[in-house]
Each structure stands twice: as C-alpha cells, then as structure tokens.
Amino acid sequence: MTHQYLPDTAVIRPRPQPDAACTLVCLGFCGGGTGPYRSWAPVLGERTELALVCYPGREGRFSEEFASDWEALAEDATNAVVRAAAATPDRPYHLFGHSMGGWMAFDVTVRLADRGARLPERLIVSSCNAPDRGVTDRDRVPRIEDTEGRLVEWMGTIGLLPDHALGDPDLREMAVELMRADIKVRDSYQPRPGVTTSVPVHLLYGENDTLIEPDVAEQWARCAVGGLRTNALPGGHFYARSVWEALPDHFADSCTEDSR
C-alpha cells in the first residue's frame, strides 16, 4: 500500500537554491539521518540544491514509529522523493544513496518507474553491492545480534555518534535503538528477481572496503541497463574522511551536464 501522507520534515533543504540547475536528493544509510550530507552544500555550490530525505523515527520525524520493514521504508522514501522532485518540476534531479541507502535509491527508482512517476536523471550509489544479490552475510555489517558496545563502537568509528553522546546513556540508547531498527529493515530487503533500471548509474566504492565484492562493477552492470560509470576511491566503507567530505566532487559534474 502506498501511504500518501508525509510531514514537511520528510524532505529537508538545508541551503535552498531557487536558481539551481539540478537537485541532488539523498537517502540515508543504516543508522544515519540527514546530518552526514548537510556539509555537502558548499561543495555543490549554487548550481545544485540538496534535498535530504529524513526517514521516520529520527530528527524532525522523531515522534513517528520506525519503519517496520523494507517495504514500509521504501514506500515512505519513494513518496518523499516524489515530493522532492515535485517541488521543482522543471529541474532535473539526481538520486544518491550510501550503503543501505544505495539499495534504497535503486529500489525507489524502480518503484518510481512502476508508478510512471518522474525519474531521476542519474542514480548515484555509494559503497553497496549490486541489489539483485539480495542481502548476503557479507552485507550484514553491523549485525542485529551485535551487542550495544559493538554497535556503539561501529557508530563512533563512522562518525554517527559524536563524543558528547558517548557519555550520555540516553543518547546512546536512542542511537542504538535507531541502528537496530535500520538493521532490521536492511535485513528484510528482498529484491524482485531480475530487476533492473534504465536510469544511468554512477557507482562509487572504497578501494579497501571489505564489504564490497571484488566484481562489484560487473554485478552492478546486470542491474544498470541504462549505463554504468564506476569510481574506486581511497579508503573503506565510508572512504577516507577527506574523500567523504568532498564526495560530490566525483559526481557533481554529471548533475550540471544533465541540466543543460
């Protein structure tokens, strides 16, 4: 079932750019929100506007229940992307997702096509294996059975849990609850057999990311029938910090090209 209602906080534009030539719509990764993407606005400049999708249960949607499974979150995210695109109907948009968010971006693109809705000009997926594999043991990091300490360590390593939150039991508990909810969603992902997209795909991944299959580009080529571009970048699952902070440099050019 498609749920049409979404609060205004489902799509955040941290730096409105009414004269931008393109919109970059970003979907969150497992345990994350819109925060990791907000610093990209200056990198993108005035020609590209950020539109950040906020999932239920966090930030401005904190009072809502977490999505119960992949289907619920994917429908919510699809409705949010439709809203983001409708706000600027004459402007092309690109859809970005990192890790679990990469699968979500792919699935949202497929759902948009099924609805006959406006598609992104480009799908940018970061640090994720090809979606048609489904969830394998390699993808289950972190794991639902991990202890609170292990999850806190993971979140601290990737920058999801700042130092001030480490010493606050309430903040730690909320962060762990959010992470477990997202892990449950991720592990329930079951792609349709043979599903593909005609939208051109740009794949980014870390050269030292142990979660990524060695033949990730060949795998994604099965799903990206509209064309595939790949970039291997320094670092692991979240790249080197300097790479993450300037990640739009690796795909912002295609956004402005598509707007011409």
C-alpha atoms as a PDB file:
ATOM      1  CA  MET A   1       0.000   0.000   0.000  1.00  0.00           C
ATOM      2  CA  THR A   2       1.241   3.491  -0.844  1.00  0.00           C
ATOM      3  CA  HIS A   3       0.943   5.983   2.010  1.00  0.00           C
ATOM      4  CA  GLN A   4       0.460   9.475   0.644  1.00  0.00           C
ATOM      5  CA  TYR A   5       0.797  11.446   3.887  1.00  0.00           C
ATOM      6  CA  LEU A   6       4.240  12.761   4.751  1.00  0.00           C
ATOM      7  CA  PRO A   7       5.155  15.521   7.191  1.00  0.00           C
ATOM      8  CA  ASP A   8       7.010  18.582   5.910  1.00  0.00           C
ATOM      9  CA  THR A   9      10.103  17.335   7.751  1.00  0.00           C
ATOM     10  CA  ALA A  10      10.356  14.325   5.408  1.00  0.00           C
ATOM     11  CA  VAL A  11      12.368  16.418   2.927  1.00  0.00           C
ATOM     12  CA  ILE A  12      14.947  18.898   4.197  1.00  0.00           C
ATOM     13  CA  ARG A  13      16.640  21.548   2.055  1.00  0.00           C
ATOM     14  CA  PRO A  14      19.473  22.806   4.282  1.00  0.00           C
ATOM     15  CA  ARG A  15      20.548  25.509   1.836  1.00  0.00           C
ATOM     16  CA  PRO A  16      17.736  26.495  -0.557  1.00  0.00           C
ATOM     17  CA  GLN A  17      18.942  27.356  -4.058  1.00  0.00           C
ATOM     18  CA  PRO A  18      15.919  28.571  -6.069  1.00  0.00           C
ATOM     19  CA  ASP A  19      18.071  29.264  -9.138  1.00  0.00           C
ATOM     20  CA  ALA A  20      19.894  25.916  -9.078  1.00  0.00           C
ATOM     21  CA  ALA A  21      20.118  23.891 -12.276  1.00  0.00           C
ATOM     22  CA  CYS A  22      19.827  20.490 -10.569  1.00  0.00           C
ATOM     23  CA  THR A  23      18.671  18.887  -7.313  1.00  0.00           C
ATOM     24  CA  LEU A  24      20.603  16.169  -5.503  1.00  0.00           C
ATOM     25  CA  VAL A  25      18.205  14.042  -3.444  1.00  0.00           C
ATOM     26  CA  CYS A  26      19.993  11.962  -0.772  1.00  0.00           C
ATOM     27  CA  LEU A  27      18.769   8.884   1.085  1.00  0.00           C
ATOM     28  CA  GLY A  28      20.213   7.863   4.444  1.00  0.00           C
ATOM     29  CA  PHE A  29      22.312   4.821   5.286  1.00  0.00           C
ATOM     30  CA  CYS A  30      21.790   2.290   8.079  1.00  0.00           C
ATOM     31  CA  GLY A  31      21.520   4.116  11.415  1.00  0.00           C
ATOM     32  CA  GLY A  32      22.004   7.518   9.802  1.00  0.00           C
ATOM     33  CA  GLY A  33      19.977  10.625   9.146  1.00  0.00           C
ATOM     34  CA  THR A  34      20.449  13.750   7.073  1.00  0.00           C
ATOM     35  CA  GLY A  35      23.412  15.036   9.097  1.00  0.00           C
ATOM     36  CA  PRO A  36      26.247  13.375   7.140  1.00  0.00           C
ATOM     37  CA  TYR A  37      25.065  15.092   3.921  1.00  0.00           C
ATOM     38  CA  ARG A  38      24.485  18.626   5.182  1.00  0.00           C
ATOM     39  CA  SER A  39      28.121  19.654   4.841  1.00  0.00           C
ATOM     40  CA  TRP A  40      27.970  18.915   1.100  1.00  0.00           C
ATOM     41  CA  ALA A  41      26.003  22.085   0.289  1.00  0.00           C
ATOM     42  CA  PRO A  42      29.087  24.320  -0.056  1.00  0.00           C
ATOM     43  CA  VAL A  43      30.840  21.639  -2.120  1.00  0.00           C
ATOM     44  CA  LEU A  44      27.939  21.507  -4.556  1.00  0.00           C
ATOM     45  CA  GLY A  45      27.831  25.291  -4.935  1.00  0.00           C
ATOM     46  CA  GLU A  46      24.925  27.309  -6.287  1.00  0.00           C
ATOM     47  CA  ARG A  47      24.085  25.155  -9.306  1.00  0.00           C
ATOM     48  CA  THR A  48      22.986  22.120  -7.279  1.00  0.00           C
ATOM     49  CA  GLU A  49      20.483  22.137  -4.414  1.00  0.00           C
ATOM     50  CA  LEU A  50      20.473  19.472  -1.717  1.00  0.00           C
ATOM     51  CA  ALA A  51      17.197  17.769  -0.822  1.00  0.00           C
ATOM     52  CA  LEU A  52      17.671  15.339   2.077  1.00  0.00           C
ATOM     53  CA  VAL A  53      15.138  12.612   2.825  1.00  0.00           C
ATOM     54  CA  CYS A  54      14.504  12.072   6.530  1.00  0.00           C
ATOM     55  CA  TYR A  55      13.263   8.601   7.433  1.00  0.00           C
ATOM     56  CA  PRO A  56      10.648   8.068  10.187  1.00  0.00           C
ATOM     57  CA  GLY A  57      11.839   7.903  13.804  1.00  0.00           C
ATOM     58  CA  ARG A  58      14.651  10.458  13.638  1.00  0.00           C
ATOM     59  CA  GLU A  59      15.327  14.190  13.567  1.00  0.00           C
ATOM     60  CA  GLY A  60      12.168  16.107  12.616  1.00  0.00           C
ATOM     61  CA  ARG A  61      10.247  12.805  12.451  1.00  0.00           C
ATOM     62  CA  PHE A  62      11.369  11.634  15.884  1.00  0.00           C
ATOM     63  CA  SER A  63       7.790  11.247  17.153  1.00  0.00           C
ATOM     64  CA  GLU A  64       6.961   8.728  14.406  1.00  0.00           C
ATOM     65  CA  GLU A  65       7.500   4.997  14.682  1.00  0.00           C
ATOM     66  CA  PHE A  66      10.456   3.472  12.852  1.00  0.00           C
ATOM     67  CA  ALA A  67       9.600   1.701   9.608  1.00  0.00           C
ATOM     68  CA  SER A  68       8.741  -1.899  10.388  1.00  0.00           C
ATOM     69  CA  ASP A  69      10.439  -3.434   7.345  1.00  0.00           C
ATOM     70  CA  TRP A  70      11.961  -2.673   3.941  1.00  0.00           C
ATOM     71  CA  GLU A  71       8.605  -2.362   2.190  1.00  0.00           C
ATOM     72  CA  ALA A  72       7.376   0.273   4.636  1.00  0.00           C
ATOM     73  CA  LEU A  73      10.567   2.339   4.436  1.00  0.00           C
ATOM     74  CA  ALA A  74      10.820   2.044   0.646  1.00  0.00           C
ATOM     75  CA  GLU A  75       7.259   3.313   0.177  1.00  0.00           C
ATOM     76  CA  ASP A  76       7.935   6.193   2.577  1.00  0.00           C
ATOM     77  CA  ALA A  77      11.183   7.066   0.780  1.00  0.00           C
ATOM     78  CA  THR A  78       9.519   6.854  -2.631  1.00  0.00           C
ATOM     79  CA  ASN A  79       6.805   9.281  -1.552  1.00  0.00           C
ATOM     80  CA  ALA A  80       9.478  11.614  -0.176  1.00  0.00           C
ATOM     81  CA  VAL A  81      11.415  11.550  -3.464  1.00  0.00           C
ATOM     82  CA  VAL A  82       8.207  12.267  -5.389  1.00  0.00           C
ATOM     83  CA  ARG A  83       7.670  15.276  -3.130  1.00  0.00           C
ATOM     84  CA  ALA A  84      11.258  16.476  -3.547  1.00  0.00           C
ATOM     85  CA  ALA A  85      11.021  16.242  -7.333  1.00  0.00           C
ATOM     86  CA  ALA A  86       7.592  17.898  -7.466  1.00  0.00           C
ATOM     87  CA  ALA A  87       8.891  20.964  -5.632  1.00  0.00           C
ATOM     88  CA  THR A  88      10.979  21.859  -8.691  1.00  0.00           C
ATOM     89  CA  PRO A  89       9.155  20.209 -11.624  1.00  0.00           C
ATOM     90  CA  ASP A  90      11.225  21.899 -14.334  1.00  0.00           C
ATOM     91  CA  ARG A  91      14.557  20.988 -12.750  1.00  0.00           C
ATOM     92  CA  PRO A  92      16.310  17.627 -13.232  1.00  0.00           C
ATOM     93  CA  TYR A  93      17.297  15.704 -10.143  1.00  0.00           C
ATOM     94  CA  HIS A  94      19.768  13.008  -9.227  1.00  0.00           C
ATOM     95  CA  LEU A  95      19.208  10.381  -6.533  1.00  0.00           C
ATOM     96  CA  PHE A  96      22.034   9.414  -4.177  1.00  0.00           C
ATOM     97  CA  GLY A  97      22.303   6.666  -1.576  1.00  0.00           C
ATOM     98  CA  HIS A  98      25.170   5.316   0.514  1.00  0.00           C
ATOM     99  CA  SER A  99      25.434   1.688   1.705  1.00  0.00           C
ATOM    100  CA  MET A 100      21.864   0.583   2.580  1.00  0.00           C
ATOM    101  CA  GLY A 101      20.809   3.917   1.104  1.00  0.00           C
ATOM    102  CA  GLY A 102      22.248   2.816  -2.241  1.00  0.00           C
ATOM    103  CA  TRP A 103      19.913  -0.171  -2.328  1.00  0.00           C
ATOM    104  CA  MET A 104      17.097   2.106  -1.219  1.00  0.00           C
ATOM    105  CA  ALA A 105      17.861   4.580  -4.008  1.00  0.00           C
ATOM    106  CA  PHE A 106      17.820   1.747  -6.545  1.00  0.00           C
ATOM    107  CA  ASP A 107      14.548   0.347  -5.199  1.00  0.00           C
ATOM    108  CA  VAL A 108      12.959   3.812  -5.118  1.00  0.00           C
ATOM    109  CA  THR A 109      13.957   4.322  -8.760  1.00  0.00           C
ATOM    110  CA  VAL A 110      12.308   1.018  -9.693  1.00  0.00           C
ATOM    111  CA  ARG A 111       9.160   1.992  -7.762  1.00  0.00           C
ATOM    112  CA  LEU A 112       9.045   5.393  -9.452  1.00  0.00           C
ATOM    113  CA  ALA A 113       9.166   3.673 -12.837  1.00  0.00           C
ATOM    114  CA  ASP A 114       6.372   1.314 -11.780  1.00  0.00           C
ATOM    115  CA  ARG A 115       4.234   4.316 -10.820  1.00  0.00           C
ATOM    116  CA  GLY A 116       5.009   6.214 -14.009  1.00  0.00           C
ATOM    117  CA  ALA A 117       6.487   8.990 -11.868  1.00  0.00           C
ATOM    118  CA  ARG A 118       9.301  11.310 -12.912  1.00  0.00           C
ATOM    119  CA  LEU A 119      12.632   9.501 -12.746  1.00  0.00           C
ATOM    120  CA  PRO A 120      15.997  10.869 -11.675  1.00  0.00           C
ATOM    121  CA  GLU A 121      18.383  11.752 -14.472  1.00  0.00           C
ATOM    122  CA  ARG A 122      21.039   9.683 -12.723  1.00  0.00           C
ATOM    123  CA  LEU A 123      21.253   7.191  -9.870  1.00  0.00           C
ATOM    124  CA  ILE A 124      24.386   7.545  -7.729  1.00  0.00           C
ATOM    125  CA  VAL A 125      25.104   4.578  -5.454  1.00  0.00           C
ATOM    126  CA  SER A 126      27.930   4.524  -2.945  1.00  0.00           C
ATOM    127  CA  SER A 127      29.533   1.636  -1.034  1.00  0.00           C
ATOM    128  CA  CYS A 128      26.944  -1.007  -1.832  1.00  0.00           C
ATOM    129  CA  ASN A 129      26.965  -4.304  -3.656  1.00  0.00           C
ATOM    130  CA  ALA A 130      24.576  -4.971  -6.523  1.00  0.00           C
ATOM    131  CA  PRO A 131      20.986  -5.117  -5.245  1.00  0.00           C
ATOM    132  CA  ASP A 132      19.910  -8.160  -7.234  1.00  0.00           C
ATOM    133  CA  ARG A 133      22.090 -10.344  -4.980  1.00  0.00           C
ATOM    134  CA  GLY A 134      19.815  -9.679  -2.034  1.00  0.00           C
ATOM    135  CA  VAL A 135      21.244  -9.405   1.475  1.00  0.00           C
ATOM    136  CA  THR A 136      24.177 -11.764   1.957  1.00  0.00           C
ATOM    137  CA  ASP A 137      26.299 -12.439   5.018  1.00  0.00           C
ATOM    138  CA  ARG A 138      28.876 -10.054   3.611  1.00  0.00           C
ATOM    139  CA  ASP A 139      26.354  -7.210   3.713  1.00  0.00           C
ATOM    140  CA  ARG A 140      25.246  -7.793   7.311  1.00  0.00           C
ATOM    141  CA  VAL A 141      27.603  -5.325   8.977  1.00  0.00           C
ATOM    142  CA  PRO A 142      26.709  -4.290  11.600  1.00  0.00           C
ATOM    143  CA  ARG A 143      24.606  -7.249  12.688  1.00  0.00           C
ATOM    144  CA  ILE A 144      21.293  -7.405  14.515  1.00  0.00           C
ATOM    145  CA  GLU A 145      22.837  -9.669  17.181  1.00  0.00           C
ATOM    146  CA  ASP A 146      25.745  -7.301  17.912  1.00  0.00           C
ATOM    147  CA  THR A 147      25.995  -6.078  21.490  1.00  0.00           C
ATOM    148  CA  GLU A 148      25.286  -2.464  22.370  1.00  0.00           C
ATOM    149  CA  GLY A 149      29.014  -1.932  22.871  1.00  0.00           C
ATOM    150  CA  ARG A 150      29.803  -3.275  19.407  1.00  0.00           C
ATOM    151  CA  LEU A 151      27.160  -1.046  17.777  1.00  0.00           C
ATOM    152  CA  VAL A 152      28.388   1.997  19.684  1.00  0.00           C
ATOM    153  CA  GLU A 153      31.937   1.245  18.532  1.00  0.00           C
ATOM    154  CA  TRP A 154      30.736   0.990  14.908  1.00  0.00           C
ATOM    155  CA  MET A 155      28.816   4.256  15.111  1.00  0.00           C
ATOM    156  CA  GLY A 156      31.759   6.012  16.718  1.00  0.00           C
ATOM    157  CA  THR A 157      34.123   4.784  14.010  1.00  0.00           C
ATOM    158  CA  ILE A 158      31.950   6.082  11.173  1.00  0.00           C
ATOM    159  CA  GLY A 159      31.116   9.356  12.918  1.00  0.00           C
ATOM    160  CA  LEU A 160      27.444   8.683  13.690  1.00  0.00           C
ATOM    161  CA  LEU A 161      27.942   9.008  17.440  1.00  0.00           C
ATOM    162  CA  PRO A 162      29.808  12.186  18.454  1.00  0.00           C
ATOM    163  CA  ASP A 163      31.983  12.288  21.568  1.00  0.00           C
ATOM    164  CA  HIS A 164      29.380  14.116  23.665  1.00  0.00           C
ATOM    165  CA  ALA A 165      26.872  11.319  23.028  1.00  0.00           C
ATOM    166  CA  LEU A 166      29.234   8.558  24.128  1.00  0.00           C
ATOM    167  CA  GLY A 167      28.968   9.670  27.747  1.00  0.00           C
ATOM    168  CA  ASP A 168      25.203  10.228  27.690  1.00  0.00           C
ATOM    169  CA  PRO A 169      23.302   6.971  28.404  1.00  0.00           C
ATOM    170  CA  ASP A 170      20.034   8.320  26.963  1.00  0.00           C
ATOM    171  CA  LEU A 171      21.622   9.427  23.679  1.00  0.00           C
ATOM    172  CA  ARG A 172      23.499   6.140  23.396  1.00  0.00           C
ATOM    173  CA  GLU A 173      20.295   4.191  23.946  1.00  0.00           C
ATOM    174  CA  MET A 174      18.409   6.178  21.287  1.00  0.00           C
ATOM    175  CA  ALA A 175      21.246   5.771  18.798  1.00  0.00           C
ATOM    176  CA  VAL A 176      21.418   2.015  19.371  1.00  0.00           C
ATOM    177  CA  GLU A 177      17.620   1.710  19.067  1.00  0.00           C
ATOM    178  CA  LEU A 178      17.746   3.553  15.739  1.00  0.00           C
ATOM    179  CA  MET A 179      20.590   1.386  14.472  1.00  0.00           C
ATOM    180  CA  ARG A 180      18.814  -1.849  15.393  1.00  0.00           C
ATOM    181  CA  ALA A 181      15.625  -0.654  13.690  1.00  0.00           C
ATOM    182  CA  ASP A 182      17.518   0.111  10.488  1.00  0.00           C
ATOM    183  CA  ILE A 183      19.411  -3.192  10.593  1.00  0.00           C
ATOM    184  CA  LYS A 184      16.055  -4.980  10.817  1.00  0.00           C
ATOM    185  CA  VAL A 185      14.863  -3.059   7.750  1.00  0.00           C
ATOM    186  CA  ARG A 186      18.057  -3.744   5.817  1.00  0.00           C
ATOM    187  CA  ASP A 187      17.944  -7.466   6.530  1.00  0.00           C
ATOM    188  CA  SER A 188      14.355  -7.690   5.242  1.00  0.00           C
ATOM    189  CA  TYR A 189      15.298  -6.433   1.758  1.00  0.00           C
ATOM    190  CA  GLN A 190      14.210  -8.908  -0.926  1.00  0.00           C
ATOM    191  CA  PRO A 191      14.665  -7.562  -4.473  1.00  0.00           C
ATOM    192  CA  ARG A 192      12.498  -8.803  -7.311  1.00  0.00           C
ATOM    193  CA  PRO A 193      14.387 -11.378  -9.405  1.00  0.00           C
ATOM    194  CA  GLY A 194      15.984  -9.833 -12.471  1.00  0.00           C
ATOM    195  CA  VAL A 195      15.049  -6.270 -11.518  1.00  0.00           C
ATOM    196  CA  THR A 196      16.889  -3.554 -13.490  1.00  0.00           C
ATOM    197  CA  THR A 197      16.782   0.184 -14.092  1.00  0.00           C
ATOM    198  CA  SER A 198      17.117   2.163 -17.299  1.00  0.00           C
ATOM    199  CA  VAL A 199      18.382   5.184 -15.357  1.00  0.00           C
ATOM    200  CA  PRO A 200      22.167   5.640 -15.784  1.00  0.00           C
ATOM    201  CA  VAL A 201      24.024   4.523 -12.648  1.00  0.00           C
ATOM    202  CA  HIS A 202      27.197   6.001 -11.163  1.00  0.00           C
ATOM    203  CA  LEU A 203      28.842   3.577  -8.711  1.00  0.00           C
ATOM    204  CA  LEU A 204      31.342   4.762  -6.075  1.00  0.00           C
ATOM    205  CA  TYR A 205      33.152   2.450  -3.665  1.00  0.00           C
ATOM    206  CA  GLY A 206      36.183   2.378  -1.387  1.00  0.00           C
ATOM    207  CA  GLU A 207      39.278   0.560  -2.595  1.00  0.00           C
ATOM    208  CA  ASN A 208      39.738  -1.010   0.855  1.00  0.00           C
ATOM    209  CA  ASP A 209      36.096  -1.714   1.657  1.00  0.00           C
ATOM    210  CA  THR A 210      35.913  -5.348   2.791  1.00  0.00           C
ATOM    211  CA  LEU A 211      32.105  -5.324   2.495  1.00  0.00           C
ATOM    212  CA  ILE A 212      32.245  -4.815  -1.270  1.00  0.00           C
ATOM    213  CA  GLU A 213      32.516  -7.773  -3.644  1.00  0.00           C
ATOM    214  CA  PRO A 214      35.637  -7.778  -5.875  1.00  0.00           C
ATOM    215  CA  ASP A 215      33.456  -7.912  -9.003  1.00  0.00           C
ATOM    216  CA  VAL A 216      31.038  -5.210  -7.816  1.00  0.00           C
ATOM    217  CA  ALA A 217      31.153  -3.327 -11.135  1.00  0.00           C
ATOM    218  CA  GLU A 218      30.300  -6.436 -13.155  1.00  0.00           C
ATOM    219  CA  GLN A 219      27.446  -7.212 -10.768  1.00  0.00           C
ATOM    220  CA  TRP A 220      26.002  -3.700 -10.989  1.00  0.00           C
ATOM    221  CA  ALA A 221      26.219  -3.865 -14.798  1.00  0.00           C
ATOM    222  CA  ARG A 222      23.477  -6.522 -14.699  1.00  0.00           C
ATOM    223  CA  CYS A 223      21.110  -4.075 -12.987  1.00  0.00           C
ATOM    224  CA  ALA A 224      22.168  -0.850 -14.717  1.00  0.00           C
ATOM    225  CA  VAL A 225      20.896  -1.460 -18.228  1.00  0.00           C
ATOM    226  CA  GLY A 226      20.890   2.294 -18.897  1.00  0.00           C
ATOM    227  CA  GLY A 227      24.666   2.545 -18.474  1.00  0.00           C
ATOM    228  CA  LEU A 228      27.187   2.308 -15.649  1.00  0.00           C
ATOM    229  CA  ARG A 229      30.044   4.551 -14.575  1.00  0.00           C
ATOM    230  CA  THR A 230      32.357   3.489 -11.715  1.00  0.00           C
ATOM    231  CA  ASN A 231      34.898   5.167  -9.437  1.00  0.00           C
ATOM    232  CA  ALA A 232      37.099   3.387  -6.893  1.00  0.00           C
ATOM    233  CA  LEU A 233      38.114   5.871  -4.179  1.00  0.00           C
ATOM    234  CA  PRO A 234      40.626   5.826  -1.291  1.00  0.00           C
ATOM    235  CA  GLY A 235      39.501   4.282   1.981  1.00  0.00           C
ATOM    236  CA  GLY A 236      36.970   1.800   3.305  1.00  0.00           C
ATOM    237  CA  HIS A 237      33.190   1.709   3.618  1.00  0.00           C
ATOM    238  CA  PHE A 238      32.980   5.420   4.429  1.00  0.00           C
ATOM    239  CA  TYR A 239      36.118   6.276   2.462  1.00  0.00           C
ATOM    240  CA  ALA A 240      38.838   8.463   3.909  1.00  0.00           C
ATOM    241  CA  ARG A 241      37.340  11.400   5.840  1.00  0.00           C
ATOM    242  CA  SER A 242      38.625  13.947   3.336  1.00  0.00           C
ATOM    243  CA  VAL A 243      37.090  11.897   0.492  1.00  0.00           C
ATOM    244  CA  TRP A 244      33.665  11.752   2.170  1.00  0.00           C
ATOM    245  CA  GLU A 245      33.632  15.495   2.839  1.00  0.00           C
ATOM    246  CA  ALA A 246      34.280  16.217  -0.846  1.00  0.00           C
ATOM    247  CA  LEU A 247      32.436  13.211  -2.304  1.00  0.00           C
ATOM    248  CA  PRO A 248      30.161  15.371  -4.530  1.00  0.00           C
ATOM    249  CA  ASP A 249      33.270  16.399  -6.471  1.00  0.00           C
ATOM    250  CA  HIS A 250      33.151  12.923  -8.027  1.00  0.00           C
ATOM    251  CA  PHE A 251      29.632  13.263  -9.416  1.00  0.00           C
ATOM    252  CA  ALA A 252      28.571  16.929  -9.338  1.00  0.00           C
ATOM    253  CA  ASP A 253      29.787  17.424 -12.906  1.00  0.00           C
ATOM    254  CA  SER A 254      27.263  14.925 -14.243  1.00  0.00           C
ATOM    255  CA  CYS A 255      24.459  16.740 -12.461  1.00  0.00           C
ATOM    256  CA  THR A 256      25.194  20.018 -14.190  1.00  0.00           C
ATOM    257  CA  GLU A 257      25.752  18.245 -17.512  1.00  0.00           C
ATOM    258  CA  ASP A 258      22.294  16.641 -17.298  1.00  0.00           C
ATOM    259  CA  SER A 259      20.712  20.034 -16.650  1.00  0.00           C
ATOM    260  CA  ARG A 260      21.911  21.543 -19.908  1.00  0.00           C
END
